[in-house]
PDB file of N, CA and C in Angstrom:
ATOM      1  N   MET A   1     -36.559   0.201 -10.037  1.00  0.00           N
ATOM      2  CA  MET A   1     -34.711   0.441  -9.884  1.00  0.00           C
ATOM      3  C   MET A   1     -34.631   1.722 -10.276  1.00  0.00           C
ATOM      4  N   SER A   2     -34.484   2.681  -9.724  1.00  0.00           N
ATOM      5  CA  SER A   2     -33.563   3.609 -10.985  1.00  0.00           C
ATOM      6  C   SER A   2     -32.347   2.723 -11.252  1.00  0.00           C
ATOM      7  N   PRO A   3     -32.046   3.527 -13.049  1.00  0.00           N
ATOM      8  CA  PRO A   3     -30.167   2.919 -13.039  1.00  0.00           C
ATOM      9  C   PRO A   3     -29.077   3.507 -11.657  1.00  0.00           C
ATOM     10  N   ASP A   4     -29.626   4.142 -10.752  1.00  0.00           N
ATOM     11  CA  ASP A   4     -28.772   4.744 -10.153  1.00  0.00           C
ATOM     12  C   ASP A   4     -28.708   4.414  -8.477  1.00  0.00           C
ATOM     13  N   GLY A   5     -29.724   3.205  -8.590  1.00  0.00           N
ATOM     14  CA  GLY A   5     -29.498   2.716  -7.365  1.00  0.00           C
ATOM     15  C   GLY A   5     -28.202   1.642  -6.867  1.00  0.00           C
ATOM     16  N   PRO A   6     -28.757   1.586  -5.839  1.00  0.00           N
ATOM     17  CA  PRO A   6     -27.699   0.912  -4.774  1.00  0.00           C
ATOM     18  C   PRO A   6     -26.486  -0.294  -5.501  1.00  0.00           C
ATOM     19  N   GLU A   7     -27.732  -1.649  -6.152  1.00  0.00           N
ATOM     20  CA  GLU A   7     -27.305  -2.568  -6.292  1.00  0.00           C
ATOM     21  C   GLU A   7     -26.411  -2.455  -7.584  1.00  0.00           C
ATOM     22  N   VAL A   8     -26.934  -1.454  -8.327  1.00  0.00           N
ATOM     23  CA  VAL A   8     -26.112  -0.712  -9.903  1.00  0.00           C
ATOM     24  C   VAL A   8     -24.853  -0.018  -9.493  1.00  0.00           C
ATOM     25  N   ASN A   9     -24.824   0.675  -8.568  1.00  0.00           N
ATOM     26  CA  ASN A   9     -23.675   1.331  -7.720  1.00  0.00           C
ATOM     27  C   ASN A   9     -22.732   0.272  -7.651  1.00  0.00           C
ATOM     28  N   GLY A  10     -23.333  -1.009  -6.899  1.00  0.00           N
ATOM     29  CA  GLY A  10     -22.049  -1.412  -6.314  1.00  0.00           C
ATOM     30  C   GLY A  10     -21.429  -2.426  -6.510  1.00  0.00           C
ATOM     31  N   ARG A  11     -22.141  -3.229  -8.480  1.00  0.00           N
ATOM     32  CA  ARG A  11     -21.696  -3.752  -8.790  1.00  0.00           C
ATOM     33  C   ARG A  11     -21.014  -2.786  -9.646  1.00  0.00           C
ATOM     34  N   ALA A  12     -20.805  -1.699  -9.777  1.00  0.00           N
ATOM     35  CA  ALA A  12     -19.823  -0.970 -10.322  1.00  0.00           C
ATOM     36  C   ALA A  12     -18.456  -0.584  -9.999  1.00  0.00           C
ATOM     37  N   TYR A  13     -18.965  -0.029  -8.188  1.00  0.00           N
ATOM     38  CA  TYR A  13     -17.556   0.075  -7.636  1.00  0.00           C
ATOM     39  C   TYR A  13     -16.516  -1.310  -7.138  1.00  0.00           C
ATOM     40  N   LEU A  14     -17.909  -2.367  -7.403  1.00  0.00           N
ATOM     41  CA  LEU A  14     -16.908  -3.961  -7.058  1.00  0.00           C
ATOM     42  C   LEU A  14     -16.121  -4.026  -8.321  1.00  0.00           C
ATOM     43  N   ALA A  15     -16.823  -3.854  -9.713  1.00  0.00           N
ATOM     44  CA  ALA A  15     -15.437  -3.788 -10.775  1.00  0.00           C
ATOM     45  C   ALA A  15     -14.889  -2.365 -10.907  1.00  0.00           C
ATOM     46  N   ALA A  16     -15.119  -1.704 -10.355  1.00  0.00           N
ATOM     47  CA  ALA A  16     -13.987  -0.624 -10.563  1.00  0.00           C
ATOM     48  C   ALA A  16     -12.587  -0.595  -8.848  1.00  0.00           C
ATOM     49  N   ARG A  17     -13.443  -1.515  -8.475  1.00  0.00           N
ATOM     50  CA  ARG A  17     -12.633  -1.582  -6.714  1.00  0.00           C
ATOM     51  C   ARG A  17     -11.413  -2.868  -7.486  1.00  0.00           C
ATOM     52  N   GLU A  18     -11.791  -4.199  -8.468  1.00  0.00           N
ATOM     53  CA  GLU A  18     -10.748  -5.176  -8.716  1.00  0.00           C
ATOM     54  C   GLU A  18      -9.869  -4.512  -9.910  1.00  0.00           C
ATOM     55  N   ARG A  19     -11.369  -4.076 -10.605  1.00  0.00           N
ATOM     56  CA  ARG A  19      -9.554  -2.512 -11.702  1.00  0.00           C
ATOM     57  C   ARG A  19      -8.493  -2.287 -10.923  1.00  0.00           C
ATOM     58  N   VAL A  20      -8.677  -1.594  -9.611  1.00  0.00           N
ATOM     59  CA  VAL A  20      -7.754  -1.181  -8.999  1.00  0.00           C
ATOM     60  C   VAL A  20      -7.076  -1.929  -8.441  1.00  0.00           C
ATOM     61  N   GLU A  21      -7.389  -3.527  -7.833  1.00  0.00           N
ATOM     62  CA  GLU A  21      -6.464  -4.611  -7.976  1.00  0.00           C
ATOM     63  C   GLU A  21      -5.602  -4.760  -8.753  1.00  0.00           C
ATOM     64  N   ASP A  22      -6.321  -4.817  -9.923  1.00  0.00           N
ATOM     65  CA  ASP A  22      -5.706  -5.354 -11.360  1.00  0.00           C
ATOM     66  C   ASP A  22      -4.061  -4.479 -11.825  1.00  0.00           C
ATOM     67  N   HIS A  23      -4.460  -3.052 -11.624  1.00  0.00           N
ATOM     68  CA  HIS A  23      -2.995  -2.368 -11.420  1.00  0.00           C
ATOM     69  C   HIS A  23      -2.564  -2.851 -10.896  1.00  0.00           C
ATOM     70  N   ILE A  24      -2.644  -2.377  -9.476  1.00  0.00           N
ATOM     71  CA  ILE A  24      -1.564  -2.492  -8.261  1.00  0.00           C
ATOM     72  C   ILE A  24      -0.466  -3.892  -8.143  1.00  0.00           C
ATOM     73  N   ILE A  25      -1.823  -4.677  -8.410  1.00  0.00           N
ATOM     74  CA  ILE A  25      -0.754  -6.300  -8.413  1.00  0.00           C
ATOM     75  C   ILE A  25       0.270  -5.914  -9.964  1.00  0.00           C
ATOM     76  N   LEU A  26      -0.267  -6.027 -10.700  1.00  0.00           N
ATOM     77  CA  LEU A  26       0.822  -5.313 -11.998  1.00  0.00           C
ATOM     78  C   LEU A  26       2.061  -4.595 -11.454  1.00  0.00           C
ATOM     79  N   LEU A  27       1.798  -3.468 -11.066  1.00  0.00           N
ATOM     80  CA  LEU A  27       2.947  -2.261  -9.878  1.00  0.00           C
ATOM     81  C   LEU A  27       3.265  -2.820  -9.466  1.00  0.00           C
ATOM     82  N   ALA A  28       2.983  -3.114  -8.589  1.00  0.00           N
ATOM     83  CA  ALA A  28       3.805  -4.353  -7.205  1.00  0.00           C
ATOM     84  C   ALA A  28       4.626  -5.599  -8.078  1.00  0.00           C
ATOM     85  N   HIS A  29       4.441  -6.233  -8.862  1.00  0.00           N
ATOM     86  CA  HIS A  29       5.313  -7.409  -9.841  1.00  0.00           C
ATOM     87  C   HIS A  29       6.604  -6.581 -10.511  1.00  0.00           C
ATOM     88  N   SER A  30       5.505  -6.006 -11.228  1.00  0.00           N
ATOM     89  CA  SER A  30       6.699  -5.089 -11.580  1.00  0.00           C
ATOM     90  C   SER A  30       8.341  -4.245 -10.520  1.00  0.00           C
ATOM     91  N   ARG A  31       7.519  -4.477  -9.969  1.00  0.00           N
ATOM     92  CA  ARG A  31       9.031  -3.675  -9.095  1.00  0.00           C
ATOM     93  C   ARG A  31       9.865  -5.161  -8.243  1.00  0.00           C
ATOM     94  N   GLY A  32       8.923  -6.666  -8.125  1.00  0.00           N
ATOM     95  CA  GLY A  32       9.224  -7.832  -8.008  1.00  0.00           C
ATOM     96  C   GLY A  32       9.198  -7.512  -5.840  1.00  0.00           C
ATOM     97  N   ILE A  33       8.294  -6.472  -5.948  1.00  0.00           N
ATOM     98  CA  ILE A  33       7.398  -7.390  -4.119  1.00  0.00           C
ATOM     99  C   ILE A  33       6.135  -7.291  -4.171  1.00  0.00           C
ATOM    100  N   VAL A  34       5.438  -7.650  -3.135  1.00  0.00           N
ATOM    101  CA  VAL A  34       3.907  -8.193  -2.984  1.00  0.00           C
ATOM    102  C   VAL A  34       3.855  -6.655  -1.374  1.00  0.00           C
ATOM    103  N   VAL A  35       2.815  -6.416  -2.449  1.00  0.00           N
ATOM    104  CA  VAL A  35       2.060  -5.317  -0.995  1.00  0.00           C
ATOM    105  C   VAL A  35       0.817  -5.721  -0.415  1.00  0.00           C
ATOM    106  N   GLY A  36       0.592  -4.927   0.656  1.00  0.00           N
ATOM    107  CA  GLY A  36      -0.598  -5.649   1.668  1.00  0.00           C
ATOM    108  C   GLY A  36      -1.756  -4.243   0.355  1.00  0.00           C
ATOM    109  N   LEU A  37      -2.711  -4.817   0.079  1.00  0.00           N
ATOM    110  CA  LEU A  37      -3.852  -3.974   0.340  1.00  0.00           C
ATOM    111  C   LEU A  37      -5.175  -3.371   0.719  1.00  0.00           C
ATOM    112  N   GLN A  38      -5.603  -2.263   0.811  1.00  0.00           N
ATOM    113  CA  GLN A  38      -7.366  -2.219   1.566  1.00  0.00           C
ATOM    114  C   GLN A  38      -7.488  -0.643   0.728  1.00  0.00           C
ATOM    115  N   VAL A  39      -9.324  -0.980   0.109  1.00  0.00           N
ATOM    116  CA  VAL A  39      -9.526   0.148  -0.673  1.00  0.00           C
ATOM    117  C   VAL A  39     -10.254  -0.037   0.649  1.00  0.00           C
ATOM    118  N   ASP A  40     -10.693   1.287   0.881  1.00  0.00           N
ATOM    119  CA  ASP A  40     -11.073   2.290   1.345  1.00  0.00           C
ATOM    120  C   ASP A  40     -11.480   1.082   3.353  1.00  0.00           C
ATOM    121  N   PRO A  41     -10.073   1.977   3.623  1.00  0.00           N
ATOM    122  CA  PRO A  41     -10.336   0.749   4.657  1.00  0.00           C
ATOM    123  C   PRO A  41     -11.403   1.792   5.672  1.00  0.00           C
ATOM    124  N   GLY A  42     -11.856   0.321   6.931  1.00  0.00           N
ATOM    125  CA  GLY A  42     -12.800   0.925   7.768  1.00  0.00           C
ATOM    126  C   GLY A  42     -14.310   1.337   7.618  1.00  0.00           C
ATOM    127  N   ARG A  43     -14.623   1.053   6.026  1.00  0.00           N
ATOM    128  CA  ARG A  43     -15.071   1.595   5.691  1.00  0.00           C
ATOM    129  C   ARG A  43     -16.553   0.069   5.869  1.00  0.00           C
ATOM    130  N   ALA A  44     -17.603   0.671   5.695  1.00  0.00           N
ATOM    131  CA  ALA A  44     -18.992  -1.032   6.057  1.00  0.00           C
ATOM    132  C   ALA A  44     -18.740  -1.241   4.246  1.00  0.00           C
ATOM    133  N   PRO A  45     -18.901  -2.416   4.795  1.00  0.00           N
ATOM    134  CA  PRO A  45     -19.083  -3.287   3.115  1.00  0.00           C
ATOM    135  C   PRO A  45     -20.174  -2.475   2.273  1.00  0.00           C
ATOM    136  N   ALA A  46     -21.112  -2.200   3.029  1.00  0.00           N
ATOM    137  CA  ALA A  46     -22.415  -2.507   1.909  1.00  0.00           C
ATOM    138  C   ALA A  46     -23.216  -0.272   1.831  1.00  0.00           C
ATOM    139  N   GLU A  47     -21.282   0.532   2.626  1.00  0.00           N
ATOM    140  CA  GLU A  47     -21.583   1.952   2.566  1.00  0.00           C
ATOM    141  C   GLU A  47     -20.814   2.453   1.030  1.00  0.00           C
ATOM    142  N   VAL A  48     -21.932   3.458   0.681  1.00  0.00           N
ATOM    143  CA  VAL A  48     -22.059   3.865  -0.346  1.00  0.00           C
ATOM    144  C   VAL A  48     -21.200   4.845  -0.940  1.00  0.00           C
ATOM    145  N   VAL A  49     -20.437   5.454  -1.184  1.00  0.00           N
ATOM    146  CA  VAL A  49     -19.007   5.853  -1.787  1.00  0.00           C
ATOM    147  C   VAL A  49     -19.086   6.825  -2.182  1.00  0.00           C
ATOM    148  N   THR A  50     -19.779   8.012  -1.851  1.00  0.00           N
ATOM    149  CA  THR A  50     -19.870   8.864  -3.028  1.00  0.00           C
ATOM    150  C   THR A  50     -18.524  10.406  -2.400  1.00  0.00           C
ATOM    151  N   ASP A  51     -17.473  10.266  -2.053  1.00  0.00           N
ATOM    152  CA  ASP A  51     -16.658  11.462  -1.753  1.00  0.00           C
ATOM    153  C   ASP A  51     -15.365  10.523  -2.562  1.00  0.00           C
ATOM    154  N   THR A  52     -14.967   9.993  -1.284  1.00  0.00           N
ATOM    155  CA  THR A  52     -13.265   9.993  -1.792  1.00  0.00           C
ATOM    156  C   THR A  52     -12.934   8.906  -1.394  1.00  0.00           C
ATOM    157  N   HIS A  53     -12.378   7.981  -2.165  1.00  0.00           N
ATOM    158  CA  HIS A  53     -11.555   6.422  -1.765  1.00  0.00           C
ATOM    159  C   HIS A  53     -10.550   6.471  -1.484  1.00  0.00           C
ATOM    160  N   GLN A  54      -9.250   5.432  -0.628  1.00  0.00           N
ATOM    161  CA  GLN A  54      -7.850   5.507  -0.230  1.00  0.00           C
ATOM    162  C   GLN A  54      -8.153   3.799  -0.182  1.00  0.00           C
ATOM    163  N   ILE A  55      -6.658   4.309  -0.826  1.00  0.00           N
ATOM    164  CA  ILE A  55      -6.197   2.677  -1.901  1.00  0.00           C
ATOM    165  C   ILE A  55      -4.441   3.221  -0.911  1.00  0.00           C
ATOM    166  N   GLN A  56      -4.610   1.891   0.933  1.00  0.00           N
ATOM    167  CA  GLN A  56      -3.960   1.631   1.282  1.00  0.00           C
ATOM    168  C   GLN A  56      -3.058   0.943   0.981  1.00  0.00           C
ATOM    169  N   LEU A  57      -1.770   1.114   1.223  1.00  0.00           N
ATOM    170  CA  LEU A  57      -0.208   0.571   0.248  1.00  0.00           C
ATOM    171  C   LEU A  57       0.105  -0.133   1.144  1.00  0.00           C
ATOM    172  N   THR A  58       0.374  -1.305   1.218  1.00  0.00           N
ATOM    173  CA  THR A  58       1.563  -2.095   2.362  1.00  0.00           C
ATOM    174  C   THR A  58       2.442  -2.853   2.031  1.00  0.00           C
ATOM    175  N   TYR A  59       3.881  -2.613   2.488  1.00  0.00           N
ATOM    176  CA  TYR A  59       4.867  -3.886   2.410  1.00  0.00           C
ATOM    177  C   TYR A  59       6.244  -3.267   3.904  1.00  0.00           C
ATOM    178  N   GLY A  60       5.804  -4.267   4.190  1.00  0.00           N
ATOM    179  CA  GLY A  60       6.610  -4.342   5.756  1.00  0.00           C
ATOM    180  C   GLY A  60       5.872  -3.440   6.386  1.00  0.00           C
ATOM    181  N   ARG A  61       6.918  -3.183   6.583  1.00  0.00           N
ATOM    182  CA  ARG A  61       6.039  -1.449   7.792  1.00  0.00           C
ATOM    183  C   ARG A  61       5.378  -0.216   7.131  1.00  0.00           C
ATOM    184  N   ALA A  62       6.211  -0.498   6.477  1.00  0.00           N
ATOM    185  CA  ALA A  62       5.626   1.093   5.304  1.00  0.00           C
ATOM    186  C   ALA A  62       4.418   1.369   5.323  1.00  0.00           C
ATOM    187  N   THR A  63       3.617   1.975   5.063  1.00  0.00           N
ATOM    188  CA  THR A  63       2.564   2.449   4.614  1.00  0.00           C
ATOM    189  C   THR A  63       1.989   3.948   3.955  1.00  0.00           C
ATOM    190  N   ARG A  64       1.745   2.908   2.353  1.00  0.00           N
ATOM    191  CA  ARG A  64       1.219   4.950   1.318  1.00  0.00           C
ATOM    192  C   ARG A  64      -0.417   4.521   1.069  1.00  0.00           C
ATOM    193  N   VAL A  65      -0.939   5.914   1.088  1.00  0.00           N
ATOM    194  CA  VAL A  65      -2.607   5.756   1.231  1.00  0.00           C
ATOM    195  C   VAL A  65      -2.044   6.790   0.064  1.00  0.00           C
ATOM    196  N   VAL A  66      -2.591   6.438  -1.129  1.00  0.00           N
ATOM    197  CA  VAL A  66      -3.336   7.879  -2.198  1.00  0.00           C
ATOM    198  C   VAL A  66      -4.851   7.232  -2.249  1.00  0.00           C
ATOM    199  N   ALA A  67      -5.265   8.725  -2.001  1.00  0.00           N
ATOM    200  CA  ALA A  67      -6.797   9.898  -2.100  1.00  0.00           C
ATOM    201  C   ALA A  67      -7.407   9.575  -3.498  1.00  0.00           C
ATOM    202  N   VAL A  68      -8.374   9.263  -3.580  1.00  0.00           N
ATOM    203  CA  VAL A  68      -8.881   9.285  -5.160  1.00  0.00           C
ATOM    204  C   VAL A  68     -10.762   9.733  -5.059  1.00  0.00           C
ATOM    205  N   ASP A  69     -10.635  10.524  -5.610  1.00  0.00           N
ATOM    206  CA  ASP A  69     -12.180  11.270  -5.963  1.00  0.00           C
ATOM    207  C   ASP A  69     -13.170   9.667  -6.302  1.00  0.00           C
ATOM    208  N   HIS A  70     -14.292  10.555  -6.103  1.00  0.00           N
ATOM    209  CA  HIS A  70     -15.560   8.958  -6.674  1.00  0.00           C
ATOM    210  C   HIS A  70     -15.648   8.402  -8.209  1.00  0.00           C
ATOM    211  N   GLU A  71     -15.299   9.692  -8.620  1.00  0.00           N
ATOM    212  CA  GLU A  71     -15.623   9.821 -10.108  1.00  0.00           C
ATOM    213  C   GLU A  71     -13.922   9.543 -10.630  1.00  0.00           C
ATOM    214  N   THR A  72     -12.994  10.369 -10.608  1.00  0.00           N
ATOM    215  CA  THR A  72     -11.563   9.572 -10.696  1.00  0.00           C
ATOM    216  C   THR A  72     -11.699   8.038 -10.549  1.00  0.00           C
ATOM    217  N   PHE A  73     -12.599   7.723  -9.429  1.00  0.00           N
ATOM    218  CA  PHE A  73     -12.000   6.572  -8.971  1.00  0.00           C
ATOM    219  C   PHE A  73     -13.163   5.140  -9.867  1.00  0.00           C
ATOM    220  N   MET A  74     -13.649   5.249  -9.776  1.00  0.00           N
ATOM    221  CA  MET A  74     -14.781   4.993 -10.831  1.00  0.00           C
ATOM    222  C   MET A  74     -14.349   5.116 -12.543  1.00  0.00           C
ATOM    223  N   ASP A  75     -14.070   6.016 -12.604  1.00  0.00           N
ATOM    224  CA  ASP A  75     -13.953   5.897 -14.440  1.00  0.00           C
ATOM    225  C   ASP A  75     -12.262   5.235 -14.600  1.00  0.00           C
ATOM    226  N   PRO A  76     -12.636   4.132 -15.882  1.00  0.00           N
ATOM    227  CA  PRO A  76     -10.892   3.991 -16.382  1.00  0.00           C
ATOM    228  C   PRO A  76     -10.254   4.314 -16.576  1.00  0.00           C
ATOM    229  N   GLU A  77     -10.969   4.748 -17.528  1.00  0.00           N
ATOM    230  CA  GLU A  77      -9.521   6.806 -18.204  1.00  0.00           C
ATOM    231  C   GLU A  77      -9.110   7.534 -17.033  1.00  0.00           C
ATOM    232  N   PHE A  78      -9.923   7.693 -16.579  1.00  0.00           N
ATOM    233  CA  PHE A  78      -9.400   8.754 -15.963  1.00  0.00           C
ATOM    234  C   PHE A  78      -8.449   8.513 -14.752  1.00  0.00           C
ATOM    235  N   PHE A  79      -9.210   7.035 -14.369  1.00  0.00           N
ATOM    236  CA  PHE A  79      -8.148   6.991 -12.667  1.00  0.00           C
ATOM    237  C   PHE A  79      -6.225   5.777 -13.914  1.00  0.00           C
ATOM    238  N   ARG A  80      -7.175   5.847 -15.011  1.00  0.00           N
ATOM    239  CA  ARG A  80      -5.078   4.990 -15.806  1.00  0.00           C
ATOM    240  C   ARG A  80      -5.088   7.088 -15.897  1.00  0.00           C
ATOM    241  N   THR A  81      -5.502   7.773 -16.414  1.00  0.00           N
ATOM    242  CA  THR A  81      -4.687   9.264 -17.199  1.00  0.00           C
ATOM    243  C   THR A  81      -4.163   9.870 -15.668  1.00  0.00           C
ATOM    244  N   LEU A  82      -5.154   9.624 -13.661  1.00  0.00           N
ATOM    245  CA  LEU A  82      -5.066  10.928 -12.825  1.00  0.00           C
ATOM    246  C   LEU A  82      -4.088  10.087 -12.098  1.00  0.00           C
ATOM    247  N   VAL A  83      -4.936   8.980 -11.685  1.00  0.00           N
ATOM    248  CA  VAL A  83      -4.160   8.423 -10.305  1.00  0.00           C
ATOM    249  C   VAL A  83      -2.823   7.266 -10.742  1.00  0.00           C
ATOM    250  N   LEU A  84      -2.972   6.112 -11.919  1.00  0.00           N
ATOM    251  CA  LEU A  84      -1.754   5.344 -11.907  1.00  0.00           C
ATOM    252  C   LEU A  84      -0.754   5.433 -11.660  1.00  0.00           C
ATOM    253  N   HIS A  85      -0.134   6.670 -12.080  1.00  0.00           N
ATOM    254  CA  HIS A  85       1.415   7.249 -11.618  1.00  0.00           C
ATOM    255  C   HIS A  85       1.869   7.174 -10.692  1.00  0.00           C
ATOM    256  N   GLN A  86       0.310   7.843  -9.391  1.00  0.00           N
ATOM    257  CA  GLN A  86       0.428   8.305  -8.183  1.00  0.00           C
ATOM    258  C   GLN A  86       0.495   6.311  -8.144  1.00  0.00           C
ATOM    259  N   LEU A  87      -0.133   5.903  -8.378  1.00  0.00           N
ATOM    260  CA  LEU A  87       0.396   4.175  -7.330  1.00  0.00           C
ATOM    261  C   LEU A  87       1.370   4.541  -7.605  1.00  0.00           C
ATOM    262  N   GLN A  88       1.925   4.017  -8.860  1.00  0.00           N
ATOM    263  CA  GLN A  88       3.414   3.713  -9.153  1.00  0.00           C
ATOM    264  C   GLN A  88       4.386   4.447  -8.110  1.00  0.00           C
ATOM    265  N   ALA A  89       3.668   4.777  -8.351  1.00  0.00           N
ATOM    266  CA  ALA A  89       5.433   6.136  -7.462  1.00  0.00           C
ATOM    267  C   ALA A  89       5.335   5.801  -5.928  1.00  0.00           C
ATOM    268  N   ALA A  90       4.049   5.853  -5.051  1.00  0.00           N
ATOM    269  CA  ALA A  90       4.232   4.669  -3.606  1.00  0.00           C
ATOM    270  C   ALA A  90       4.890   3.721  -3.777  1.00  0.00           C
ATOM    271  N   ILE A  91       4.329   3.098  -5.132  1.00  0.00           N
ATOM    272  CA  ILE A  91       5.257   1.316  -4.521  1.00  0.00           C
ATOM    273  C   ILE A  91       6.412   1.570  -5.101  1.00  0.00           C
ATOM    274  N   GLU A  92       6.939   2.490  -5.758  1.00  0.00           N
ATOM    275  CA  GLU A  92       8.485   2.682  -5.984  1.00  0.00           C
ATOM    276  C   GLU A  92       9.002   2.781  -4.514  1.00  0.00           C
ATOM    277  N   GLU A  93       8.220   3.975  -4.047  1.00  0.00           N
ATOM    278  CA  GLU A  93       9.228   4.298  -2.187  1.00  0.00           C
ATOM    279  C   GLU A  93       8.666   3.058  -1.644  1.00  0.00           C
ATOM    280  N   LEU A  94       7.079   2.547  -1.662  1.00  0.00           N
ATOM    281  CA  LEU A  94       7.743   1.164  -0.792  1.00  0.00           C
ATOM    282  C   LEU A  94       8.773   0.500  -1.155  1.00  0.00           C
ATOM    283  N   ALA A  95       9.044   0.245  -2.187  1.00  0.00           N
ATOM    284  CA  ALA A  95      10.302  -0.924  -2.224  1.00  0.00           C
ATOM    285  C   ALA A  95      11.317  -0.240  -1.957  1.00  0.00           C
ATOM    286  N   ALA A  96      11.143   0.697  -2.159  1.00  0.00           N
ATOM    287  CA  ALA A  96      13.288   1.618  -1.205  1.00  0.00           C
ATOM    288  C   ALA A  96      12.787   1.436  -0.173  1.00  0.00           C
ATOM    289  N   SER A  97      11.329   1.743   0.731  1.00  0.00           N
ATOM    290  CA  SER A  97      11.848   1.159   2.214  1.00  0.00           C
ATOM    291  C   SER A  97      12.023   0.351   2.602  1.00  0.00           C
ATOM    292  N   ALA A  98      12.601  -1.208   1.980  1.00  0.00           N
ATOM    293  CA  ALA A  98      12.866  -2.587   2.388  1.00  0.00           C
ATOM    294  C   ALA A  98      14.381  -2.316   2.906  1.00  0.00           C
TER     295      ALA A  98
END
């Protein structure tokens, strides 16, 4: 199997997803709220994602969605630099909507 095969990509995706979840937990905790989180809602678990990822945050009845391109989603440094502030803003908006 090539290094870019489904198994390797699957493990890398799961690691990226876990990293995203950890960031969101910390951001929400800093605001004193617990948010619902879905990453790539509606996609089958085995479906290979190579385009855009959807990070859906929910607090009460309010929902915010942050779209992230695949390369940024997968790269920890790109994610911290380009997306983390968007997630923080979304969590701020959710906290204010309560």
